[in-house]
Amino acid sequence: MVNPFGDVVCLRSAQAVRAPQWPSVLAIDTRRPQSPFFTHFPCMSLSPTSSFVDSYTPALLAQVSQLISGEFHVIVQAAGFEISDWRVLSTLSDGKAMSIGRLAQISVTKQPTVTRLLDRMEAQGYVKRIPSETDRRVTFVRITPQGQKLVSELIVQAKQHEDQVLAPLGAQKAEELKATLRMLIDLHRPAA
C-alpha cells in the first residue's frame, strides 16, 4: 500500500508510525519481541514472485535506493541543502582529493552538472580545485574545512538513518549486504 506521502507500507501485520527523529519518514513498528522480523511483515515474503521486476536485481536495487535515499533526502532538504550538493560534499567528506570524473561517478551525478556545482561551491569556499601535476586534462577537487564543517552534521544524521534502515537485518547481514554491493560496484564501474 502507498500512503498519500508516497511511502510504501504494509499494514496487514505491522503498524506504520512516524519516526520522531525524522517526522516526515515512516518507520515500521517492530516492537513485538515474540516474533522474528519477517513474521511481522507477511507482505515482505521471501518466496519467489511472479513479477519480473520483483526478482530483477537492477530493478530491486533501483527501488531500494529510491526508497531509502528518499527518506534521507527529506532531512537533507530540511537542512537547506540541495540533494546534488549533499551528494558531492558527502562524497568528498573524507578529505581526499578526487578527480571530477570519479566524483561524478560516485555521486551519481552527470559530469557537466558536477562541474557547475563545483563552480558555485568553490566560490562559496566549500571545495578547492587542484590541477593534476601529470595530466593537464584532469582536475582534482577536495573539500575545504568550511565545506567539511557544513556537511559534518548531516553525515552524523546519515549514519543514524543508515543504522535505522539496517537494524532489522542485524549487524552480520548488514555487513554482508554492504560487501556484496561494494563487490557489484567494483565489478561494473567503468574506469575513471
Protein backbone atom coordinates (compact mmCIF):
# COMPACT_ATOMS: atom_id res chain seq x y z
CA MET A 1 0.00 0.00 0.00
CA VAL A 2 1.22 3.54 -0.72
CA ASN A 3 0.11 6.36 1.58
CA PRO A 4 -0.51 9.96 0.40
CA PHE A 5 3.15 10.81 1.09
CA GLY A 6 4.38 8.13 -1.30
CA ASP A 7 5.60 5.84 1.48
CA VAL A 8 5.26 2.12 0.79
CA VAL A 9 3.71 0.48 3.83
CA CYS A 10 2.36 -2.95 4.66
CA LEU A 11 -0.40 -2.51 7.21
CA ARG A 12 -1.70 -6.08 7.30
CA SER A 13 0.54 -7.06 10.18
CA ALA A 14 2.66 -4.05 11.06
CA GLN A 15 1.81 -0.60 12.18
CA ALA A 16 3.35 2.35 10.32
CA VAL A 17 4.45 5.14 12.63
CA ARG A 18 6.24 8.44 12.21
CA ALA A 19 9.81 8.20 13.46
CA PRO A 20 10.38 11.02 15.99
CA GLN A 21 13.87 11.84 14.69
CA TRP A 22 12.56 12.00 11.10
CA PRO A 23 8.95 13.22 11.37
CA SER A 24 8.29 13.05 7.64
CA VAL A 25 9.58 9.49 7.32
CA LEU A 26 7.52 6.43 8.07
CA ALA A 27 9.04 3.70 10.17
CA ILE A 28 7.63 0.28 10.88
CA ASP A 29 6.77 -0.56 14.46
CA THR A 30 8.63 -3.82 15.16
CA ARG A 31 8.11 -3.85 18.92
CA ARG A 32 6.79 -7.41 19.06
CA PRO A 33 9.65 -9.36 20.63
CA GLN A 34 7.83 -12.68 20.44
CA SER A 35 8.29 -12.95 16.65
CA PRO A 36 11.19 -12.74 14.22
CA PHE A 37 11.25 -9.68 11.93
CA PHE A 38 9.72 -11.24 8.83
CA THR A 39 6.78 -12.76 10.69
CA HIS A 40 5.74 -9.18 11.39
CA PHE A 41 5.59 -8.47 7.67
CA PRO A 42 3.97 -11.21 5.59
CA CYS A 43 3.92 -8.75 2.70
CA MET A 44 7.77 -8.99 2.77
CA SER A 45 7.68 -12.60 1.68
CA LEU A 46 10.97 -14.22 0.81
CA SER A 47 9.31 -16.57 -1.70
CA PRO A 48 9.76 -16.07 -5.45
CA THR A 49 7.29 -13.71 -7.06
CA SER A 50 5.61 -13.83 -10.43
CA SER A 51 6.51 -10.26 -11.42
CA PHE A 52 9.68 -9.75 -13.46
CA VAL A 53 10.70 -6.57 -11.61
CA ASP A 54 10.14 -8.22 -8.22
CA SER A 55 13.04 -10.58 -8.96
CA TYR A 56 15.17 -8.47 -11.35
CA THR A 57 18.23 -7.29 -9.44
CA PRO A 58 18.68 -3.89 -11.17
CA ALA A 59 15.01 -3.04 -10.52
CA LEU A 60 15.29 -4.11 -6.88
CA LEU A 61 18.47 -2.07 -6.39
CA ALA A 62 16.86 0.98 -8.00
CA GLN A 63 13.76 0.67 -5.83
CA VAL A 64 15.65 0.28 -2.57
CA SER A 65 17.93 3.17 -3.50
CA GLN A 66 14.97 5.40 -4.31
CA LEU A 67 13.09 4.49 -1.13
CA ILE A 68 15.97 4.75 1.33
CA SER A 69 17.58 7.80 -0.29
CA GLY A 70 14.18 9.48 -0.46
CA GLU A 71 13.78 9.10 3.29
CA PHE A 72 17.09 10.82 3.94
CA HIS A 73 16.62 13.45 1.23
CA VAL A 74 13.79 14.88 3.33
CA ILE A 75 16.34 15.52 6.09
CA VAL A 76 18.89 16.94 3.62
CA GLN A 77 16.37 19.40 2.20
CA ALA A 78 15.15 20.38 5.67
CA ALA A 79 18.77 21.30 6.46
CA GLY A 80 18.76 23.67 3.46
CA PHE A 81 20.81 21.52 1.08
CA GLU A 82 20.13 20.57 -2.48
CA ILE A 83 20.39 16.79 -2.98
CA SER A 84 23.20 17.23 -5.53
CA ASP A 85 25.18 19.43 -3.07
CA TRP A 86 24.80 16.75 -0.38
CA ARG A 87 25.97 14.02 -2.75
CA VAL A 88 29.07 15.96 -3.81
CA LEU A 89 30.09 17.15 -0.34
CA SER A 90 29.43 13.80 1.33
CA THR A 91 31.47 12.04 -1.37
CA LEU A 92 34.37 14.39 -0.68
CA SER A 93 33.94 14.30 3.11
CA ASP A 94 36.92 12.00 3.77
CA GLY A 95 39.19 14.90 2.74
CA LYS A 96 40.97 13.09 -0.09
CA ALA A 97 41.34 14.76 -3.48
CA MET A 98 39.32 13.12 -6.23
CA SER A 99 39.07 13.64 -9.98
CA ILE A 100 35.91 15.34 -11.17
CA GLY A 101 35.08 12.29 -13.32
CA ARG A 102 35.36 9.96 -10.34
CA LEU A 103 33.32 12.38 -8.21
CA ALA A 104 30.58 12.34 -10.85
CA GLN A 105 30.55 8.50 -10.85
CA ILE A 106 30.38 8.10 -7.09
CA SER A 107 27.88 10.91 -6.50
CA VAL A 108 25.68 9.56 -9.33
CA THR A 109 25.63 12.98 -10.96
CA LYS A 110 26.37 13.88 -14.58
CA GLN A 111 29.82 15.40 -15.03
CA PRO A 112 28.61 18.72 -16.51
CA THR A 113 26.29 19.10 -13.50
CA VAL A 114 29.17 18.34 -11.11
CA THR A 115 31.31 20.96 -12.86
CA ARG A 116 28.59 23.60 -12.41
CA LEU A 117 28.09 22.61 -8.77
CA LEU A 118 31.83 22.85 -8.16
CA ASP A 119 31.94 26.33 -9.69
CA ARG A 120 29.40 27.50 -7.13
CA MET A 121 30.86 25.51 -4.22
CA GLU A 122 34.35 26.78 -4.92
CA ALA A 123 33.07 30.38 -4.96
CA GLN A 124 31.42 29.68 -1.57
CA GLY A 125 34.66 28.24 -0.20
CA TYR A 126 33.36 24.67 0.27
CA VAL A 127 35.70 22.94 -2.20
CA LYS A 128 39.04 23.61 -3.86
CA ARG A 129 40.08 22.51 -7.33
CA ILE A 130 43.60 21.18 -7.78
CA PRO A 131 45.15 20.75 -11.24
CA SER A 132 46.81 17.40 -11.90
CA GLU A 133 50.59 17.56 -11.91
CA THR A 134 50.84 14.85 -14.57
CA ASP A 135 47.82 15.35 -16.84
CA ARG A 136 46.53 18.82 -17.57
CA ARG A 137 43.21 17.37 -18.78
CA VAL A 138 42.46 16.16 -15.23
CA THR A 139 41.37 18.34 -12.34
CA PHE A 140 41.05 17.11 -8.79
CA VAL A 141 38.76 18.51 -6.14
CA ARG A 142 38.99 18.44 -2.36
CA ILE A 143 36.59 19.57 0.35
CA THR A 144 37.74 22.56 2.43
CA PRO A 145 37.47 22.80 6.22
CA GLN A 146 34.48 25.12 5.68
CA GLY A 147 32.79 22.52 3.45
CA GLN A 148 33.61 19.79 5.96
CA LYS A 149 32.02 21.79 8.76
CA LEU A 150 28.93 22.39 6.63
CA VAL A 151 28.35 18.69 5.87
CA SER A 152 29.55 17.08 9.13
CA GLU A 153 26.22 17.24 11.00
CA LEU A 154 24.36 15.76 8.03
CA ILE A 155 26.86 12.89 7.94
CA VAL A 156 26.05 12.12 11.58
CA GLN A 157 22.33 12.09 10.68
CA ALA A 158 23.03 9.95 7.59
CA LYS A 159 24.78 7.36 9.75
CA GLN A 160 21.86 7.35 12.18
CA HIS A 161 19.44 6.87 9.29
CA GLU A 162 21.57 4.03 7.92
CA ASP A 163 21.61 2.36 11.34
CA GLN A 164 17.82 2.54 11.48
CA VAL A 165 17.44 1.18 7.95
CA LEU A 166 19.81 -1.74 8.53
CA ALA A 167 18.79 -2.60 12.11
CA PRO A 168 16.20 -5.22 11.06
CA LEU A 169 18.94 -7.13 9.20
CA GLY A 170 21.30 -7.43 12.14
CA ALA A 171 24.98 -6.48 12.07
CA GLN A 172 26.25 -9.53 10.17
CA LYS A 173 23.70 -9.38 7.35
CA ALA A 174 24.12 -5.59 7.09
CA GLU A 175 27.89 -6.01 6.61
CA GLU A 176 27.33 -8.83 4.11
CA LEU A 177 24.93 -6.60 2.17
CA LYS A 178 27.46 -3.76 2.06
CA ALA A 179 30.25 -6.13 0.99
CA THR A 180 28.07 -7.54 -1.79
CA LEU A 181 27.11 -4.09 -3.01
CA ARG A 182 30.76 -2.94 -3.00
CA MET A 183 31.71 -6.04 -4.99
CA LEU A 184 28.99 -5.35 -7.58
CA ILE A 185 30.16 -1.73 -7.86
CA ASP A 186 33.77 -2.84 -8.35
CA LEU A 187 32.74 -5.39 -10.98
CA HIS A 188 30.66 -2.92 -13.01
CA ARG A 189 32.19 0.53 -12.51
CA PRO A 190 33.81 1.87 -15.67
CA ALA A 191 37.39 3.05 -15.40
CA ALA A 192 37.64 6.69 -14.35
